[in-house]
Amino acid sequence: MKNDENSKLNKDFNLSQKADEAQKAREEERQKQIEGIKSDKDRKEVKEMMRTRDEEVRRDVALKHEEQQKTVRDEIDRRIADQRTPKLDFTKIKSITGKSPQDIADKVRAEFKAHHERELASFGAGAAAPFNNLIDKKLETVLEQQRQKEAEPAFERETTRSPDSSRDGFQKAHDQTGGEKDWRSLRADREREAENDRER
């Protein structure tokens, strides 16, 4: 029985540790993405979302911790009351008779400690998940808009370089940025058509 409990605790610990490592890696990736944002306004907005997430999670975890402490206090009170009025069950009397309230409190806290720590960790991760999803969507949107803004000037430069060659500039920019097909095949098709026109 004890081996089963130990293997379950080890499994829970390993799963918790892997989840923590994955969460830390994702948080580092988020930080790198935030550093890549060029707009101060967008960067401040994402950081504000992260600050809000941290405050909300901290508050929720504190409430959960208080709930756990109440559970521990209730269990301590119940066991002390059981000791004062022992039942006729001899094994129960033998197990609790003669223990001080401090001994009972220490034992209850020790029994609940590992479970409550795992519960708090998973609760905190669960509370942060919706915020993390919103932050990730915001980062994705901001970075995509940034990529589009960076690509637009290159396209405009190619098309506005010379008024005489605006069609050529558009084609070249289209070749480089791509379209429905691979840009290399589009350019190759046009070059083939031009070569056929020359031969005629």
N, C-alpha and C. Protein backbone atom coordinates (compact mmCIF):
# COMPACT_ATOMS: atom_id res chain seq x y z
N MET A 1 0.82 -1.20 0.00
CA MET A 1 0.00 0.00 0.00
C MET A 1 0.86 1.26 0.00
N LYS A 2 1.91 1.24 0.84
CA LYS A 2 2.78 2.41 0.92
C LYS A 2 3.54 2.62 -0.38
N ASN A 3 3.94 1.52 -1.04
CA ASN A 3 4.62 1.63 -2.34
C ASN A 3 3.70 2.24 -3.38
N ASP A 4 2.40 1.88 -3.35
CA ASP A 4 1.44 2.47 -4.28
C ASP A 4 1.34 3.98 -4.07
N GLU A 5 1.28 4.38 -2.79
CA GLU A 5 1.20 5.80 -2.48
C GLU A 5 2.46 6.53 -2.93
N ASN A 6 3.62 5.91 -2.68
CA ASN A 6 4.88 6.54 -3.10
C ASN A 6 4.97 6.67 -4.62
N SER A 7 4.56 5.62 -5.33
CA SER A 7 4.63 5.70 -6.80
C SER A 7 3.66 6.75 -7.32
N LYS A 8 2.48 6.87 -6.66
CA LYS A 8 1.52 7.89 -7.07
C LYS A 8 2.09 9.29 -6.80
N LEU A 9 2.71 9.47 -5.64
CA LEU A 9 3.33 10.76 -5.31
C LEU A 9 4.45 11.09 -6.29
N ASN A 10 5.29 10.09 -6.62
CA ASN A 10 6.37 10.32 -7.58
C ASN A 10 5.82 10.69 -8.95
N LYS A 11 4.77 9.98 -9.36
CA LYS A 11 4.15 10.28 -10.66
C LYS A 11 3.59 11.70 -10.67
N ASP A 12 2.86 12.05 -9.60
CA ASP A 12 2.30 13.41 -9.50
C ASP A 12 3.41 14.45 -9.51
N PHE A 13 4.49 14.17 -8.78
CA PHE A 13 5.60 15.11 -8.73
C PHE A 13 6.24 15.29 -10.11
N ASN A 14 6.46 14.15 -10.82
CA ASN A 14 7.07 14.23 -12.15
C ASN A 14 6.17 14.98 -13.13
N LEU A 15 4.87 14.72 -13.09
CA LEU A 15 3.95 15.43 -13.96
C LEU A 15 3.94 16.92 -13.64
N SER A 16 3.93 17.24 -12.35
CA SER A 16 3.94 18.63 -11.93
C SER A 16 5.22 19.32 -12.37
N GLN A 17 6.35 18.62 -12.23
CA GLN A 17 7.63 19.19 -12.62
C GLN A 17 7.68 19.45 -14.13
N LYS A 18 7.18 18.49 -14.93
CA LYS A 18 7.16 18.68 -16.39
C LYS A 18 6.26 19.85 -16.77
N ALA A 19 5.12 19.97 -16.11
CA ALA A 19 4.20 21.08 -16.38
C ALA A 19 4.86 22.41 -16.05
N ASP A 20 5.59 22.46 -14.92
CA ASP A 20 6.30 23.68 -14.53
C ASP A 20 7.36 24.05 -15.57
N GLU A 21 8.11 23.05 -16.03
CA GLU A 21 9.15 23.32 -17.03
C GLU A 21 8.55 23.82 -18.34
N ALA A 22 7.45 23.23 -18.76
CA ALA A 22 6.78 23.67 -19.99
C ALA A 22 6.25 25.09 -19.84
N GLN A 23 5.71 25.38 -18.66
CA GLN A 23 5.18 26.72 -18.40
C GLN A 23 6.30 27.76 -18.40
N LYS A 24 7.44 27.42 -17.79
CA LYS A 24 8.58 28.35 -17.77
C LYS A 24 9.11 28.58 -19.18
N ALA A 25 9.19 27.52 -19.99
CA ALA A 25 9.67 27.66 -21.37
C ALA A 25 8.74 28.56 -22.16
N ARG A 26 7.43 28.38 -21.98
CA ARG A 26 6.45 29.20 -22.72
C ARG A 26 6.54 30.65 -22.26
N GLU A 27 6.76 30.87 -20.97
CA GLU A 27 6.88 32.23 -20.45
C GLU A 27 8.13 32.92 -21.02
N GLU A 28 9.24 32.18 -21.13
CA GLU A 28 10.45 32.74 -21.74
C GLU A 28 10.21 33.09 -23.20
N GLU A 29 9.49 32.24 -23.90
CA GLU A 29 9.16 32.50 -25.31
C GLU A 29 8.29 33.75 -25.42
N ARG A 30 7.33 33.92 -24.49
CA ARG A 30 6.50 35.12 -24.48
C ARG A 30 7.35 36.37 -24.29
N GLN A 31 8.33 36.28 -23.36
CA GLN A 31 9.19 37.44 -23.10
C GLN A 31 9.99 37.83 -24.35
N LYS A 32 10.48 36.82 -25.09
CA LYS A 32 11.22 37.10 -26.32
C LYS A 32 10.31 37.75 -27.36
N GLN A 33 9.07 37.29 -27.44
CA GLN A 33 8.12 37.88 -28.38
C GLN A 33 7.82 39.33 -28.00
N ILE A 34 7.70 39.59 -26.70
CA ILE A 34 7.43 40.96 -26.24
C ILE A 34 8.59 41.87 -26.60
N GLU A 35 9.82 41.36 -26.43
CA GLU A 35 11.00 42.16 -26.78
C GLU A 35 11.04 42.46 -28.28
N GLY A 36 10.45 41.59 -29.09
CA GLY A 36 10.42 41.78 -30.54
C GLY A 36 9.39 42.79 -31.00
N ILE A 37 8.49 43.23 -30.11
CA ILE A 37 7.47 44.21 -30.48
C ILE A 37 8.12 45.59 -30.57
N LYS A 38 7.95 46.24 -31.69
CA LYS A 38 8.59 47.54 -31.90
C LYS A 38 7.74 48.70 -31.40
N SER A 39 6.45 48.54 -31.38
CA SER A 39 5.54 49.60 -30.93
C SER A 39 5.51 49.64 -29.40
N ASP A 40 5.87 50.81 -28.84
CA ASP A 40 5.85 50.96 -27.38
C ASP A 40 4.44 50.77 -26.82
N LYS A 41 3.45 51.29 -27.55
CA LYS A 41 2.06 51.19 -27.10
C LYS A 41 1.64 49.72 -26.99
N ASP A 42 1.92 48.93 -28.03
CA ASP A 42 1.55 47.52 -28.01
C ASP A 42 2.31 46.75 -26.93
N ARG A 43 3.60 47.07 -26.78
CA ARG A 43 4.41 46.39 -25.77
C ARG A 43 3.86 46.68 -24.37
N LYS A 44 3.50 47.95 -24.10
CA LYS A 44 2.94 48.32 -22.79
C LYS A 44 1.61 47.61 -22.56
N GLU A 45 0.82 47.50 -23.63
CA GLU A 45 -0.49 46.84 -23.51
C GLU A 45 -0.33 45.36 -23.14
N VAL A 46 0.60 44.68 -23.78
CA VAL A 46 0.83 43.26 -23.47
C VAL A 46 1.39 43.11 -22.06
N LYS A 47 2.32 43.98 -21.67
CA LYS A 47 2.87 43.91 -20.32
C LYS A 47 1.79 44.18 -19.27
N GLU A 48 0.87 45.08 -19.58
CA GLU A 48 -0.24 45.36 -18.67
C GLU A 48 -1.13 44.12 -18.52
N MET A 49 -1.36 43.43 -19.64
CA MET A 49 -2.15 42.19 -19.59
C MET A 49 -1.46 41.16 -18.70
N MET A 50 -0.14 41.07 -18.81
CA MET A 50 0.62 40.11 -17.99
C MET A 50 0.57 40.50 -16.51
N ARG A 51 0.66 41.80 -16.24
CA ARG A 51 0.60 42.27 -14.85
C ARG A 51 -0.78 41.95 -14.26
N THR A 52 -1.83 42.17 -15.05
CA THR A 52 -3.19 41.85 -14.59
C THR A 52 -3.32 40.37 -14.31
N ARG A 53 -2.77 39.54 -15.23
CA ARG A 53 -2.81 38.09 -15.04
C ARG A 53 -2.14 37.71 -13.72
N ASP A 54 -0.95 38.25 -13.47
CA ASP A 54 -0.21 37.91 -12.26
C ASP A 54 -0.98 38.30 -11.00
N GLU A 55 -1.60 39.49 -11.02
CA GLU A 55 -2.37 39.94 -9.85
C GLU A 55 -3.59 39.06 -9.62
N GLU A 56 -4.30 38.74 -10.70
CA GLU A 56 -5.50 37.91 -10.57
C GLU A 56 -5.15 36.51 -10.06
N VAL A 57 -4.11 35.93 -10.63
CA VAL A 57 -3.69 34.58 -10.21
C VAL A 57 -3.25 34.61 -8.75
N ARG A 58 -2.46 35.63 -8.37
CA ARG A 58 -2.01 35.75 -6.98
C ARG A 58 -3.20 35.84 -6.03
N ARG A 59 -4.19 36.65 -6.41
CA ARG A 59 -5.38 36.80 -5.56
C ARG A 59 -6.14 35.48 -5.45
N ASP A 60 -6.36 34.81 -6.60
CA ASP A 60 -7.10 33.54 -6.59
C ASP A 60 -6.36 32.46 -5.79
N VAL A 61 -5.04 32.40 -5.95
CA VAL A 61 -4.25 31.41 -5.21
C VAL A 61 -4.30 31.72 -3.71
N ALA A 62 -4.28 33.00 -3.34
CA ALA A 62 -4.37 33.36 -1.91
C ALA A 62 -5.72 32.93 -1.34
N LEU A 63 -6.80 33.11 -2.11
CA LEU A 63 -8.12 32.67 -1.65
C LEU A 63 -8.17 31.15 -1.50
N LYS A 64 -7.58 30.45 -2.48
CA LYS A 64 -7.54 28.99 -2.42
C LYS A 64 -6.72 28.53 -1.21
N HIS A 65 -5.60 29.22 -0.95
CA HIS A 65 -4.75 28.88 0.19
C HIS A 65 -5.53 29.07 1.50
N GLU A 66 -6.28 30.15 1.57
CA GLU A 66 -7.08 30.39 2.78
C GLU A 66 -8.13 29.29 2.96
N GLU A 67 -8.73 28.86 1.85
CA GLU A 67 -9.70 27.76 1.89
C GLU A 67 -9.03 26.47 2.39
N GLN A 68 -7.82 26.22 1.94
CA GLN A 68 -7.08 25.03 2.38
C GLN A 68 -6.76 25.12 3.87
N GLN A 69 -6.38 26.32 4.32
CA GLN A 69 -6.07 26.49 5.75
C GLN A 69 -7.31 26.24 6.61
N LYS A 70 -8.47 26.67 6.11
CA LYS A 70 -9.72 26.41 6.84
C LYS A 70 -9.98 24.90 6.91
N THR A 71 -9.72 24.19 5.82
CA THR A 71 -9.89 22.73 5.81
C THR A 71 -8.98 22.09 6.86
N VAL A 72 -7.73 22.55 6.93
CA VAL A 72 -6.78 22.01 7.91
C VAL A 72 -7.25 22.33 9.33
N ARG A 73 -7.69 23.58 9.57
CA ARG A 73 -8.16 23.94 10.92
C ARG A 73 -9.38 23.11 11.33
N ASP A 74 -10.31 22.91 10.38
CA ASP A 74 -11.50 22.10 10.68
C ASP A 74 -11.11 20.66 11.02
N GLU A 75 -10.14 20.11 10.27
CA GLU A 75 -9.70 18.73 10.53
C GLU A 75 -9.00 18.64 11.89
N ILE A 76 -8.20 19.65 12.22
CA ILE A 76 -7.53 19.66 13.54
C ILE A 76 -8.57 19.71 14.65
N ASP A 77 -9.55 20.60 14.50
CA ASP A 77 -10.61 20.72 15.52
C ASP A 77 -11.38 19.40 15.65
N ARG A 78 -11.68 18.75 14.53
CA ARG A 78 -12.41 17.49 14.56
C ARG A 78 -11.61 16.42 15.30
N ARG A 79 -10.32 16.34 15.01
CA ARG A 79 -9.49 15.30 15.65
C ARG A 79 -9.30 15.56 17.15
N ILE A 80 -9.18 16.84 17.51
CA ILE A 80 -9.07 17.17 18.94
C ILE A 80 -10.37 16.82 19.66
N ALA A 81 -11.50 17.11 19.01
CA ALA A 81 -12.80 16.78 19.60
C ALA A 81 -12.95 15.26 19.73
N ASP A 82 -12.48 14.52 18.72
CA ASP A 82 -12.52 13.05 18.79
C ASP A 82 -11.72 12.53 19.98
N GLN A 83 -10.60 13.20 20.26
CA GLN A 83 -9.75 12.75 21.37
C GLN A 83 -10.43 13.01 22.71
N ARG A 84 -11.18 14.13 22.78
CA ARG A 84 -11.85 14.44 24.04
C ARG A 84 -12.99 13.46 24.33
N THR A 85 -13.67 13.06 23.25
CA THR A 85 -14.79 12.13 23.42
C THR A 85 -14.52 10.88 22.60
N PRO A 86 -13.65 10.01 23.11
CA PRO A 86 -13.29 8.82 22.33
C PRO A 86 -14.49 7.92 22.09
N LYS A 87 -14.49 7.28 20.95
CA LYS A 87 -15.55 6.32 20.59
C LYS A 87 -15.18 4.96 21.20
N LEU A 88 -16.08 4.04 21.07
CA LEU A 88 -15.85 2.71 21.63
C LEU A 88 -14.92 1.86 20.77
N ASP A 89 -14.59 2.35 19.58
CA ASP A 89 -13.68 1.62 18.69
C ASP A 89 -12.27 1.66 19.30
N PHE A 90 -11.79 0.51 19.75
CA PHE A 90 -10.53 0.45 20.50
C PHE A 90 -9.34 0.95 19.68
N THR A 91 -9.26 0.61 18.38
CA THR A 91 -8.11 1.03 17.57
C THR A 91 -8.07 2.55 17.43
N LYS A 92 -9.24 3.16 17.31
CA LYS A 92 -9.28 4.61 17.20
C LYS A 92 -8.83 5.26 18.50
N ILE A 93 -9.29 4.72 19.63
CA ILE A 93 -8.88 5.26 20.93
C ILE A 93 -7.37 5.14 21.08
N LYS A 94 -6.85 4.01 20.70
CA LYS A 94 -5.42 3.76 20.84
C LYS A 94 -4.62 4.72 19.96
N SER A 95 -5.15 5.05 18.79
CA SER A 95 -4.37 5.88 17.86
C SER A 95 -4.35 7.35 18.25
N ILE A 96 -5.35 7.83 18.98
CA ILE A 96 -5.37 9.27 19.28
C ILE A 96 -5.22 9.61 20.76
N THR A 97 -5.33 8.67 21.62
CA THR A 97 -5.26 8.96 23.05
C THR A 97 -3.86 9.44 23.43
N GLY A 98 -3.81 10.50 24.25
CA GLY A 98 -2.56 10.97 24.79
C GLY A 98 -1.78 11.92 23.90
N LYS A 99 -2.35 12.36 22.79
CA LYS A 99 -1.63 13.31 21.93
C LYS A 99 -2.04 14.73 22.29
N SER A 100 -1.06 15.60 22.30
CA SER A 100 -1.36 17.00 22.60
C SER A 100 -1.99 17.66 21.37
N PRO A 101 -2.72 18.75 21.58
CA PRO A 101 -3.30 19.47 20.43
C PRO A 101 -2.24 19.89 19.40
N GLN A 102 -1.04 20.22 19.90
CA GLN A 102 0.04 20.61 18.98
C GLN A 102 0.49 19.43 18.12
N ASP A 103 0.58 18.24 18.76
CA ASP A 103 0.95 17.03 18.01
C ASP A 103 -0.08 16.73 16.92
N ILE A 104 -1.34 16.85 17.28
CA ILE A 104 -2.42 16.60 16.31
C ILE A 104 -2.33 17.62 15.17
N ALA A 105 -2.14 18.88 15.52
CA ALA A 105 -2.07 19.94 14.49
C ALA A 105 -0.89 19.69 13.55
N ASP A 106 0.27 19.32 14.12
CA ASP A 106 1.45 19.05 13.28
C ASP A 106 1.20 17.88 12.35
N LYS A 107 0.56 16.84 12.88
CA LYS A 107 0.30 15.65 12.05
C LYS A 107 -0.66 15.98 10.91
N VAL A 108 -1.72 16.74 11.21
CA VAL A 108 -2.70 17.10 10.17
C VAL A 108 -2.03 17.97 9.10
N ARG A 109 -1.25 18.94 9.53
CA ARG A 109 -0.56 19.81 8.56
C ARG A 109 0.38 19.00 7.66
N ALA A 110 1.09 18.05 8.25
CA ALA A 110 2.00 17.20 7.47
C ALA A 110 1.23 16.34 6.47
N GLU A 111 0.07 15.82 6.89
CA GLU A 111 -0.74 14.98 5.99
C GLU A 111 -1.27 15.78 4.80
N PHE A 112 -1.68 17.01 5.06
CA PHE A 112 -2.29 17.82 4.01
C PHE A 112 -1.28 18.58 3.16
N LYS A 113 -0.06 18.74 3.64
CA LYS A 113 0.91 19.64 3.00
C LYS A 113 1.16 19.29 1.53
N ALA A 114 1.56 18.08 1.24
CA ALA A 114 1.90 17.70 -0.15
C ALA A 114 0.69 17.83 -1.07
N HIS A 115 -0.45 17.37 -0.59
CA HIS A 115 -1.67 17.45 -1.42
C HIS A 115 -2.02 18.90 -1.71
N HIS A 116 -1.95 19.75 -0.68
CA HIS A 116 -2.31 21.16 -0.86
C HIS A 116 -1.33 21.89 -1.76
N GLU A 117 -0.05 21.55 -1.67
CA GLU A 117 0.93 22.19 -2.55
C GLU A 117 0.66 21.84 -4.01
N ARG A 118 0.39 20.56 -4.29
CA ARG A 118 0.05 20.14 -5.67
C ARG A 118 -1.23 20.82 -6.13
N GLU A 119 -2.20 20.88 -5.23
CA GLU A 119 -3.49 21.48 -5.56
C GLU A 119 -3.32 22.97 -5.88
N LEU A 120 -2.51 23.67 -5.09
CA LEU A 120 -2.26 25.10 -5.34
C LEU A 120 -1.56 25.33 -6.67
N ALA A 121 -0.56 24.48 -6.97
CA ALA A 121 0.18 24.64 -8.22
C ALA A 121 -0.73 24.44 -9.43
N SER A 122 -1.54 23.39 -9.39
CA SER A 122 -2.44 23.14 -10.53
C SER A 122 -3.54 24.20 -10.59
N PHE A 123 -3.99 24.67 -9.43
CA PHE A 123 -5.01 25.72 -9.40
C PHE A 123 -4.46 27.01 -10.01
N GLY A 124 -3.21 27.36 -9.64
CA GLY A 124 -2.59 28.57 -10.19
C GLY A 124 -2.42 28.47 -11.70
N ALA A 125 -1.98 27.30 -12.18
CA ALA A 125 -1.82 27.12 -13.62
C ALA A 125 -3.17 27.21 -14.33
N GLY A 126 -4.20 26.63 -13.72
CA GLY A 126 -5.54 26.70 -14.31
C GLY A 126 -6.08 28.12 -14.32
N ALA A 127 -5.81 28.89 -13.27
CA ALA A 127 -6.28 30.27 -13.21
C ALA A 127 -5.55 31.14 -14.23
N ALA A 128 -4.30 30.82 -14.52
CA ALA A 128 -3.51 31.62 -15.46
C ALA A 128 -3.82 31.28 -16.92
N ALA A 129 -4.35 30.08 -17.17
CA ALA A 129 -4.55 29.61 -18.55
C ALA A 129 -5.39 30.55 -19.41
N PRO A 130 -6.57 31.04 -18.96
CA PRO A 130 -7.34 31.93 -19.83
C PRO A 130 -6.59 33.24 -20.12
N PHE A 131 -5.89 33.75 -19.12
CA PHE A 131 -5.10 34.97 -19.32
C PHE A 131 -3.99 34.72 -20.34
N ASN A 132 -3.31 33.56 -20.20
CA ASN A 132 -2.23 33.23 -21.13
C ASN A 132 -2.75 33.12 -22.56
N ASN A 133 -3.95 32.55 -22.73
CA ASN A 133 -4.53 32.45 -24.08
C ASN A 133 -4.78 33.83 -24.67
N LEU A 134 -5.31 34.74 -23.85
CA LEU A 134 -5.55 36.12 -24.33
C LEU A 134 -4.23 36.81 -24.68
N ILE A 135 -3.24 36.63 -23.84
CA ILE A 135 -1.93 37.25 -24.07
C ILE A 135 -1.32 36.70 -25.36
N ASP A 136 -1.39 35.38 -25.54
CA ASP A 136 -0.83 34.76 -26.75
C ASP A 136 -1.54 35.26 -28.01
N LYS A 137 -2.87 35.40 -27.95
CA LYS A 137 -3.62 35.91 -29.11
C LYS A 137 -3.21 37.36 -29.41
N LYS A 138 -3.07 38.15 -28.36
CA LYS A 138 -2.67 39.55 -28.55
C LYS A 138 -1.27 39.61 -29.16
N LEU A 139 -0.35 38.81 -28.64
CA LEU A 139 1.02 38.78 -29.19
C LEU A 139 1.00 38.38 -30.66
N GLU A 140 0.22 37.36 -30.97
CA GLU A 140 0.14 36.89 -32.36
C GLU A 140 -0.39 37.99 -33.28
N THR A 141 -1.43 38.69 -32.83
CA THR A 141 -2.01 39.78 -33.62
C THR A 141 -1.01 40.91 -33.82
N VAL A 142 -0.38 41.33 -32.73
CA VAL A 142 0.56 42.45 -32.80
C VAL A 142 1.75 42.10 -33.70
N LEU A 143 2.30 40.91 -33.53
CA LEU A 143 3.47 40.52 -34.34
C LEU A 143 3.10 40.36 -35.82
N GLU A 144 1.90 39.87 -36.09
CA GLU A 144 1.45 39.74 -37.49
C GLU A 144 1.27 41.12 -38.12
N GLN A 145 0.67 42.06 -37.38
CA GLN A 145 0.52 43.42 -37.89
C GLN A 145 1.89 44.06 -38.13
N GLN A 146 2.81 43.80 -37.23
CA GLN A 146 4.17 44.33 -37.38
C GLN A 146 4.83 43.77 -38.64
N ARG A 147 4.68 42.46 -38.88
CA ARG A 147 5.25 41.85 -40.10
C ARG A 147 4.63 42.45 -41.35
N GLN A 148 3.32 42.68 -41.33
CA GLN A 148 2.65 43.27 -42.49
C GLN A 148 3.14 44.69 -42.75
N LYS A 149 3.31 45.47 -41.68
CA LYS A 149 3.80 46.84 -41.85
C LYS A 149 5.22 46.85 -42.42
N GLU A 150 6.03 45.90 -41.98
CA GLU A 150 7.41 45.83 -42.49
C GLU A 150 7.43 45.39 -43.95
N ALA A 151 6.47 44.57 -44.36
CA ALA A 151 6.44 44.09 -45.75
C ALA A 151 5.88 45.13 -46.70
N GLU A 152 4.96 45.98 -46.26
CA GLU A 152 4.33 46.96 -47.13
C GLU A 152 5.31 47.95 -47.76
N PRO A 153 6.22 48.55 -47.01
CA PRO A 153 7.14 49.51 -47.64
C PRO A 153 7.98 48.87 -48.75
N ALA A 154 8.41 47.64 -48.59
CA ALA A 154 9.20 46.98 -49.62
C ALA A 154 8.37 46.84 -50.89
N PHE A 155 7.12 46.48 -50.74
CA PHE A 155 6.24 46.33 -51.90
C PHE A 155 6.03 47.70 -52.56
N GLU A 156 5.78 48.74 -51.74
CA GLU A 156 5.57 50.07 -52.30
C GLU A 156 6.81 50.60 -52.99
N ARG A 157 7.99 50.37 -52.43
CA ARG A 157 9.23 50.83 -53.05
C ARG A 157 9.37 50.25 -54.45
N GLU A 158 9.09 48.97 -54.58
CA GLU A 158 9.23 48.31 -55.87
C GLU A 158 8.24 48.86 -56.89
N THR A 159 7.03 49.18 -56.46
CA THR A 159 6.02 49.63 -57.41
C THR A 159 6.13 51.11 -57.73
N THR A 160 6.76 51.90 -56.87
CA THR A 160 6.82 53.34 -57.10
C THR A 160 8.20 53.85 -57.49
N ARG A 161 9.12 52.95 -57.72
CA ARG A 161 10.48 53.37 -58.05
C ARG A 161 10.50 54.22 -59.31
N SER A 162 9.85 53.78 -60.36
CA SER A 162 9.84 54.51 -61.62
C SER A 162 8.43 54.47 -62.19
N PRO A 163 7.87 55.62 -62.55
CA PRO A 163 6.51 55.61 -63.09
C PRO A 163 6.40 54.79 -64.38
N ASP A 164 7.49 54.74 -65.16
CA ASP A 164 7.46 54.00 -66.42
C ASP A 164 7.40 52.50 -66.20
N SER A 165 7.99 52.06 -65.10
CA SER A 165 8.08 50.62 -64.90
C SER A 165 7.23 50.14 -63.72
N SER A 166 6.10 50.81 -63.50
CA SER A 166 5.28 50.42 -62.35
C SER A 166 4.74 48.99 -62.51
N ARG A 167 4.41 48.61 -63.76
CA ARG A 167 3.93 47.25 -63.99
C ARG A 167 5.05 46.25 -63.69
N ASP A 168 6.26 46.56 -64.16
CA ASP A 168 7.40 45.67 -63.87
C ASP A 168 7.69 45.62 -62.37
N GLY A 169 7.59 46.79 -61.73
CA GLY A 169 7.83 46.85 -60.29
C GLY A 169 6.82 46.02 -59.53
N PHE A 170 5.55 46.11 -59.94
CA PHE A 170 4.51 45.29 -59.30
C PHE A 170 4.80 43.81 -59.49
N GLN A 171 5.17 43.43 -60.72
CA GLN A 171 5.45 42.02 -60.98
C GLN A 171 6.63 41.53 -60.15
N LYS A 172 7.67 42.35 -60.06
CA LYS A 172 8.85 41.94 -59.29
C LYS A 172 8.51 41.80 -57.80
N ALA A 173 7.77 42.79 -57.28
CA ALA A 173 7.37 42.73 -55.87
C ALA A 173 6.47 41.52 -55.63
N HIS A 174 5.58 41.27 -56.59
CA HIS A 174 4.68 40.12 -56.47
C HIS A 174 5.48 38.82 -56.50
N ASP A 175 6.51 38.79 -57.36
CA ASP A 175 7.36 37.61 -57.43
C ASP A 175 8.05 37.36 -56.09
N GLN A 176 8.48 38.42 -55.43
CA GLN A 176 9.25 38.25 -54.19
C GLN A 176 8.36 37.96 -52.99
N THR A 177 7.19 38.59 -52.96
CA THR A 177 6.33 38.36 -51.79
C THR A 177 5.42 37.17 -51.97
N GLY A 178 5.23 36.74 -53.23
CA GLY A 178 4.44 35.54 -53.48
C GLY A 178 2.99 35.86 -53.73
N GLY A 179 2.30 34.89 -54.20
CA GLY A 179 0.87 35.02 -54.46
C GLY A 179 0.22 33.69 -54.18
N GLU A 180 -0.73 33.31 -55.06
CA GLU A 180 -1.37 32.01 -54.85
C GLU A 180 -0.39 30.89 -55.12
N LYS A 181 0.55 31.15 -56.05
CA LYS A 181 1.53 30.12 -56.40
C LYS A 181 2.90 30.54 -55.87
N ASP A 182 3.83 29.66 -56.05
CA ASP A 182 5.20 29.97 -55.68
C ASP A 182 5.73 31.08 -56.58
N TRP A 183 6.40 32.10 -56.02
CA TRP A 183 6.84 33.26 -56.82
C TRP A 183 7.82 32.86 -57.90
N ARG A 184 8.60 31.82 -57.68
CA ARG A 184 9.57 31.40 -58.69
C ARG A 184 8.86 30.90 -59.94
N SER A 185 7.77 30.15 -59.77
CA SER A 185 7.05 29.64 -60.94
C SER A 185 6.36 30.77 -61.68
N LEU A 186 5.87 31.79 -60.98
CA LEU A 186 5.25 32.94 -61.65
C LEU A 186 6.28 33.67 -62.51
N ARG A 187 7.46 33.90 -61.96
CA ARG A 187 8.50 34.58 -62.70
C ARG A 187 8.94 33.73 -63.89
N ALA A 188 9.07 32.45 -63.68
CA ALA A 188 9.49 31.56 -64.77
C ALA A 188 8.45 31.56 -65.89
N ASP A 189 7.17 31.57 -65.54
CA ASP A 189 6.12 31.61 -66.57
C ASP A 189 6.21 32.89 -67.39
N ARG A 190 6.41 34.03 -66.72
CA ARG A 190 6.51 35.30 -67.45
C ARG A 190 7.75 35.34 -68.33
N GLU A 191 8.87 34.81 -67.82
CA GLU A 191 10.10 34.79 -68.62
C GLU A 191 9.92 33.92 -69.86
N ARG A 192 9.22 32.79 -69.71
CA ARG A 192 8.95 31.93 -70.86
C ARG A 192 8.08 32.65 -71.89
N GLU A 193 7.04 33.36 -71.41
CA GLU A 193 6.18 34.11 -72.32
C GLU A 193 6.97 35.19 -73.05
N ALA A 194 7.83 35.90 -72.32
CA ALA A 194 8.65 36.94 -72.95
C ALA A 194 9.57 36.34 -74.01
N GLU A 195 10.15 35.21 -73.73
CA GLU A 195 11.04 34.55 -74.68
C GLU A 195 10.28 34.11 -75.93
N ASN A 196 9.07 33.59 -75.72
CA ASN A 196 8.23 33.19 -76.87
C ASN A 196 7.86 34.40 -77.71
N ASP A 197 7.58 35.56 -77.08
CA ASP A 197 7.25 36.79 -77.82
C ASP A 197 8.43 37.24 -78.66
N ARG A 198 9.65 37.13 -78.11
CA ARG A 198 10.85 37.54 -78.84
C ARG A 198 11.08 36.66 -80.06
N GLU A 199 10.80 35.37 -79.91
CA GLU A 199 11.02 34.45 -81.02
C GLU A 199 10.03 34.68 -82.15
N ARG A 200 8.88 35.17 -81.88
CA ARG A 200 7.87 35.41 -82.92
C ARG A 200 8.22 36.58 -83.70
